[in-house]
Each structure stands twice: as structure tokens, then as C-alpha cells.
Amino acid sequence: MKHLILTATADISESLRSRWFMVYTLVFGGVVVALFVSGLTESRVMGFTGLS
């Protein structure tokens, strides 16, 4: 179990140092926000106002 934790820690720290990780995080985060906003505007058109 100790080796698994060490490997996971090394992999996560290496990923965070990579610039591509931040680019992917921003791109996918933007897609999630866009889908969320789009879903909210569509739900208001249909008459549901749950999260506003």
C-alpha cells in the first residue's frame, strides 16, 4: 500500500507541474460552466426556476 501511495503522489505532483494539466483543466472547466449556464437558460424557458 505504501508503494501505491508513493506512486500516486509522484504522479499527481508531476501532473501539477505540467502546463498541459492547467490547459485541460481550464478547457474542461469552461465546457462544464457553459453547459451549466446553457442548461439554466433552457430550464427558465421551460418554466423551471430551481437554481436562481
PDB file of N, CA and C in Angstrom:
ATOM      1  N   MET A   1       0.826  -1.190   0.000  1.00  0.00           N
ATOM      2  CA  MET A   1       0.000   0.000   0.000  1.00  0.00           C
ATOM      3  C   MET A   1       0.870   1.252   0.000  1.00  0.00           C
ATOM      4  N   LYS A   2       2.010   1.152   0.668  1.00  0.00           N
ATOM      5  CA  LYS A   2       2.910   2.303   0.748  1.00  0.00           C
ATOM      6  C   LYS A   2       3.441   2.672  -0.635  1.00  0.00           C
ATOM      7  N   HIS A   3       3.747   1.659  -1.446  1.00  0.00           N
ATOM      8  CA  HIS A   3       4.256   1.912  -2.796  1.00  0.00           C
ATOM      9  C   HIS A   3       3.191   2.558  -3.673  1.00  0.00           C
ATOM     10  N   LEU A   4       1.946   2.153  -3.488  1.00  0.00           N
ATOM     11  CA  LEU A   4       0.849   2.740  -4.252  1.00  0.00           C
ATOM     12  C   LEU A   4       0.692   4.222  -3.922  1.00  0.00           C
ATOM     13  N   ILE A   5       0.768   4.560  -2.648  1.00  0.00           N
ATOM     14  CA  ILE A   5       0.643   5.963  -2.235  1.00  0.00           C
ATOM     15  C   ILE A   5       1.813   6.784  -2.760  1.00  0.00           C
ATOM     16  N   LEU A   6       3.014   6.229  -2.707  1.00  0.00           N
ATOM     17  CA  LEU A   6       4.182   6.944  -3.227  1.00  0.00           C
ATOM     18  C   LEU A   6       4.073   7.164  -4.733  1.00  0.00           C
ATOM     19  N   THR A   7       3.619   6.155  -5.441  1.00  0.00           N
ATOM     20  CA  THR A   7       3.450   6.281  -6.888  1.00  0.00           C
ATOM     21  C   THR A   7       2.377   7.304  -7.226  1.00  0.00           C
ATOM     22  N   ALA A   8       1.268   7.259  -6.510  1.00  0.00           N
ATOM     23  CA  ALA A   8       0.188   8.223  -6.752  1.00  0.00           C
ATOM     24  C   ALA A   8       0.649   9.643  -6.443  1.00  0.00           C
ATOM     25  N   THR A   9       1.378   9.831  -5.369  1.00  0.00           N
ATOM     26  CA  THR A   9       1.887  11.157  -5.011  1.00  0.00           C
ATOM     27  C   THR A   9       2.841  11.683  -6.067  1.00  0.00           C
ATOM     28  N   ALA A  10       3.739  10.830  -6.548  1.00  0.00           N
ATOM     29  CA  ALA A  10       4.678  11.247  -7.588  1.00  0.00           C
ATOM     30  C   ALA A  10       3.947  11.589  -8.879  1.00  0.00           C
ATOM     31  N   ASP A  11       2.949  10.802  -9.233  1.00  0.00           N
ATOM     32  CA  ASP A  11       2.193  11.044 -10.461  1.00  0.00           C
ATOM     33  C   ASP A  11       1.401  12.345 -10.371  1.00  0.00           C
ATOM     34  N   ILE A  12       0.767  12.594  -9.244  1.00  0.00           N
ATOM     35  CA  ILE A  12      -0.013  13.824  -9.073  1.00  0.00           C
ATOM     36  C   ILE A  12       0.889  15.045  -9.085  1.00  0.00           C
ATOM     37  N   SER A  13       2.020  14.978  -8.415  1.00  0.00           N
ATOM     38  CA  SER A  13       2.922  16.133  -8.400  1.00  0.00           C
ATOM     39  C   SER A  13       3.497  16.401  -9.784  1.00  0.00           C
ATOM     40  N   GLU A  14       3.769  15.348 -10.549  1.00  0.00           N
ATOM     41  CA  GLU A  14       4.260  15.520 -11.916  1.00  0.00           C
ATOM     42  C   GLU A  14       3.180  16.121 -12.815  1.00  0.00           C
ATOM     43  N   SER A  15       1.946  15.708 -12.615  1.00  0.00           N
ATOM     44  CA  SER A  15       0.840  16.255 -13.408  1.00  0.00           C
ATOM     45  C   SER A  15       0.624  17.728 -13.109  1.00  0.00           C
ATOM     46  N   LEU A  16       0.719  18.111 -11.860  1.00  0.00           N
ATOM     47  CA  LEU A  16       0.502  19.508 -11.492  1.00  0.00           C
ATOM     48  C   LEU A  16       1.608  20.418 -12.019  1.00  0.00           C
ATOM     49  N   ARG A  17       2.806  19.883 -12.201  1.00  0.00           N
ATOM     50  CA  ARG A  17       3.895  20.686 -12.759  1.00  0.00           C
ATOM     51  C   ARG A  17       3.745  20.900 -14.255  1.00  0.00           C
ATOM     52  N   SER A  18       2.985  20.062 -14.902  1.00  0.00           N
ATOM     53  CA  SER A  18       2.817  20.151 -16.348  1.00  0.00           C
ATOM     54  C   SER A  18       1.877  21.292 -16.710  1.00  0.00           C
ATOM     55  N   ARG A  19       2.222  22.023 -17.764  1.00  0.00           N
ATOM     56  CA  ARG A  19       1.358  23.112 -18.227  1.00  0.00           C
ATOM     57  C   ARG A  19       0.102  22.571 -18.891  1.00  0.00           C
ATOM     58  N   TRP A  20       0.186  21.394 -19.489  1.00  0.00           N
ATOM     59  CA  TRP A  20      -0.973  20.823 -20.165  1.00  0.00           C
ATOM     60  C   TRP A  20      -2.094  20.516 -19.197  1.00  0.00           C
ATOM     61  N   PHE A  21      -1.746  20.157 -17.979  1.00  0.00           N
ATOM     62  CA  PHE A  21      -2.769  19.873 -16.974  1.00  0.00           C
ATOM     63  C   PHE A  21      -3.617  21.110 -16.717  1.00  0.00           C
ATOM     64  N   MET A  22      -2.975  22.263 -16.605  1.00  0.00           N
ATOM     65  CA  MET A  22      -3.714  23.507 -16.378  1.00  0.00           C
ATOM     66  C   MET A  22      -4.555  23.875 -17.602  1.00  0.00           C
ATOM     67  N   VAL A  23      -4.021  23.640 -18.792  1.00  0.00           N
ATOM     68  CA  VAL A  23      -4.779  23.937 -20.014  1.00  0.00           C
ATOM     69  C   VAL A  23      -6.026  23.061 -20.080  1.00  0.00           C
ATOM     70  N   TYR A  24      -5.860  21.764 -19.838  1.00  0.00           N
ATOM     71  CA  TYR A  24      -7.010  20.857 -19.858  1.00  0.00           C
ATOM     72  C   TYR A  24      -8.018  21.221 -18.766  1.00  0.00           C
ATOM     73  N   THR A  25      -7.524  21.606 -17.598  1.00  0.00           N
ATOM     74  CA  THR A  25      -8.417  21.999 -16.511  1.00  0.00           C
ATOM     75  C   THR A  25      -9.251  23.205 -16.905  1.00  0.00           C
ATOM     76  N   LEU A  26      -8.624  24.204 -17.513  1.00  0.00           N
ATOM     77  CA  LEU A  26      -9.357  25.397 -17.931  1.00  0.00           C
ATOM     78  C   LEU A  26     -10.348  25.087 -19.048  1.00  0.00           C
ATOM     79  N   VAL A  27      -9.939  24.278 -20.017  1.00  0.00           N
ATOM     80  CA  VAL A  27     -10.828  23.955 -21.139  1.00  0.00           C
ATOM     81  C   VAL A  27     -12.049  23.170 -20.655  1.00  0.00           C
ATOM     82  N   PHE A  28     -11.822  22.101 -19.904  1.00  0.00           N
ATOM     83  CA  PHE A  28     -12.947  21.287 -19.447  1.00  0.00           C
ATOM     84  C   PHE A  28     -13.792  22.031 -18.418  1.00  0.00           C
ATOM     85  N   GLY A  29     -13.160  22.861 -17.591  1.00  0.00           N
ATOM     86  CA  GLY A  29     -13.927  23.689 -16.661  1.00  0.00           C
ATOM     87  C   GLY A  29     -14.818  24.666 -17.401  1.00  0.00           C
ATOM     88  N   GLY A  30     -14.292  25.254 -18.482  1.00  0.00           N
ATOM     89  CA  GLY A  30     -15.099  26.162 -19.296  1.00  0.00           C
ATOM     90  C   GLY A  30     -16.260  25.455 -19.961  1.00  0.00           C
ATOM     91  N   VAL A  31     -16.035  24.231 -20.419  1.00  0.00           N
ATOM     92  CA  VAL A  31     -17.117  23.457 -21.035  1.00  0.00           C
ATOM     93  C   VAL A  31     -18.203  23.149 -20.004  1.00  0.00           C
ATOM     94  N   VAL A  32     -17.804  22.782 -18.805  1.00  0.00           N
ATOM     95  CA  VAL A  32     -18.779  22.482 -17.753  1.00  0.00           C
ATOM     96  C   VAL A  32     -19.595  23.719 -17.408  1.00  0.00           C
ATOM     97  N   VAL A  33     -18.928  24.864 -17.278  1.00  0.00           N
ATOM     98  CA  VAL A  33     -19.639  26.110 -16.969  1.00  0.00           C
ATOM     99  C   VAL A  33     -20.591  26.475 -18.106  1.00  0.00           C
ATOM    100  N   ALA A  34     -20.145  26.331 -19.347  1.00  0.00           N
ATOM    101  CA  ALA A  34     -21.000  26.659 -20.491  1.00  0.00           C
ATOM    102  C   ALA A  34     -22.231  25.752 -20.532  1.00  0.00           C
ATOM    103  N   LEU A  35     -22.050  24.467 -20.285  1.00  0.00           N
ATOM    104  CA  LEU A  35     -23.194  23.552 -20.267  1.00  0.00           C
ATOM    105  C   LEU A  35     -24.141  23.863 -19.111  1.00  0.00           C
ATOM    106  N   PHE A  36     -23.580  24.227 -17.973  1.00  0.00           N
ATOM    107  CA  PHE A  36     -24.408  24.562 -16.817  1.00  0.00           C
ATOM    108  C   PHE A  36     -25.234  25.813 -17.089  1.00  0.00           C
ATOM    109  N   VAL A  37     -24.592  26.849 -17.636  1.00  0.00           N
ATOM    110  CA  VAL A  37     -25.308  28.089 -17.945  1.00  0.00           C
ATOM    111  C   VAL A  37     -26.348  27.844 -19.023  1.00  0.00           C
ATOM    112  N   SER A  38     -25.985  27.081 -20.035  1.00  0.00           N
ATOM    113  CA  SER A  38     -26.932  26.758 -21.100  1.00  0.00           C
ATOM    114  C   SER A  38     -28.124  25.979 -20.553  1.00  0.00           C
ATOM    115  N   GLY A  39     -27.874  25.067 -19.659  1.00  0.00           N
ATOM    116  CA  GLY A  39     -28.959  24.300 -19.054  1.00  0.00           C
ATOM    117  C   GLY A  39     -29.873  25.165 -18.214  1.00  0.00           C
ATOM    118  N   LEU A  40     -29.289  26.142 -17.511  1.00  0.00           N
ATOM    119  CA  LEU A  40     -30.119  27.034 -16.703  1.00  0.00           C
ATOM    120  C   LEU A  40     -30.993  27.919 -17.570  1.00  0.00           C
ATOM    121  N   THR A  41     -30.424  28.437 -18.665  1.00  0.00           N
ATOM    122  CA  THR A  41     -31.236  29.303 -19.519  1.00  0.00           C
ATOM    123  C   THR A  41     -32.344  28.508 -20.193  1.00  0.00           C
ATOM    124  N   GLU A  42     -32.060  27.276 -20.591  1.00  0.00           N
ATOM    125  CA  GLU A  42     -33.096  26.443 -21.204  1.00  0.00           C
ATOM    126  C   GLU A  42     -34.174  26.083 -20.187  1.00  0.00           C
ATOM    127  N   SER A  43     -33.783  25.848 -18.942  1.00  0.00           N
ATOM    128  CA  SER A  43     -34.784  25.479 -17.941  1.00  0.00           C
ATOM    129  C   SER A  43     -35.691  26.661 -17.623  1.00  0.00           C
ATOM    130  N   ARG A  44     -35.181  27.881 -17.701  1.00  0.00           N
ATOM    131  CA  ARG A  44     -36.026  29.052 -17.465  1.00  0.00           C
ATOM    132  C   ARG A  44     -37.037  29.214 -18.587  1.00  0.00           C
ATOM    133  N   VAL A  45     -36.626  28.881 -19.811  1.00  0.00           N
ATOM    134  CA  VAL A  45     -37.549  28.967 -20.940  1.00  0.00           C
ATOM    135  C   VAL A  45     -38.695  27.976 -20.739  1.00  0.00           C
ATOM    136  N   MET A  46     -38.369  26.810 -20.207  1.00  0.00           N
ATOM    137  CA  MET A  46     -39.393  25.785 -19.995  1.00  0.00           C
ATOM    138  C   MET A  46     -40.248  26.065 -18.756  1.00  0.00           C
ATOM    139  N   GLY A  47     -39.856  27.049 -17.938  1.00  0.00           N
ATOM    140  CA  GLY A  47     -40.657  27.413 -16.777  1.00  0.00           C
ATOM    141  C   GLY A  47     -40.121  26.932 -15.445  1.00  0.00           C
ATOM    142  N   PHE A  48     -38.956  26.291 -15.419  1.00  0.00           N
ATOM    143  CA  PHE A  48     -38.371  25.809 -14.170  1.00  0.00           C
ATOM    144  C   PHE A  48     -37.349  26.817 -13.688  1.00  0.00           C
ATOM    145  N   THR A  49     -37.453  27.292 -12.454  1.00  0.00           N
ATOM    146  CA  THR A  49     -36.510  28.273 -11.911  1.00  0.00           C
ATOM    147  C   THR A  49     -35.933  27.747 -10.609  1.00  0.00           C
ATOM    148  N   GLY A  50     -35.341  26.586 -10.643  1.00  0.00           N
ATOM    149  CA  GLY A  50     -34.870  25.941  -9.424  1.00  0.00           C
ATOM    150  C   GLY A  50     -33.612  26.523  -8.825  1.00  0.00           C
ATOM    151  N   LEU A  51     -32.607  26.884  -9.614  1.00  0.00           N
ATOM    152  CA  LEU A  51     -31.324  27.314  -9.066  1.00  0.00           C
ATOM    153  C   LEU A  51     -31.130  28.819  -9.084  1.00  0.00           C
ATOM    154  N   SER A  52     -32.135  29.567  -9.430  1.00  0.00           N
ATOM    155  CA  SER A  52     -31.952  31.021  -9.475  1.00  0.00           C
ATOM    156  C   SER A  52     -32.681  31.698  -8.338  1.00  0.00           C
TER     157      SER A  52
END
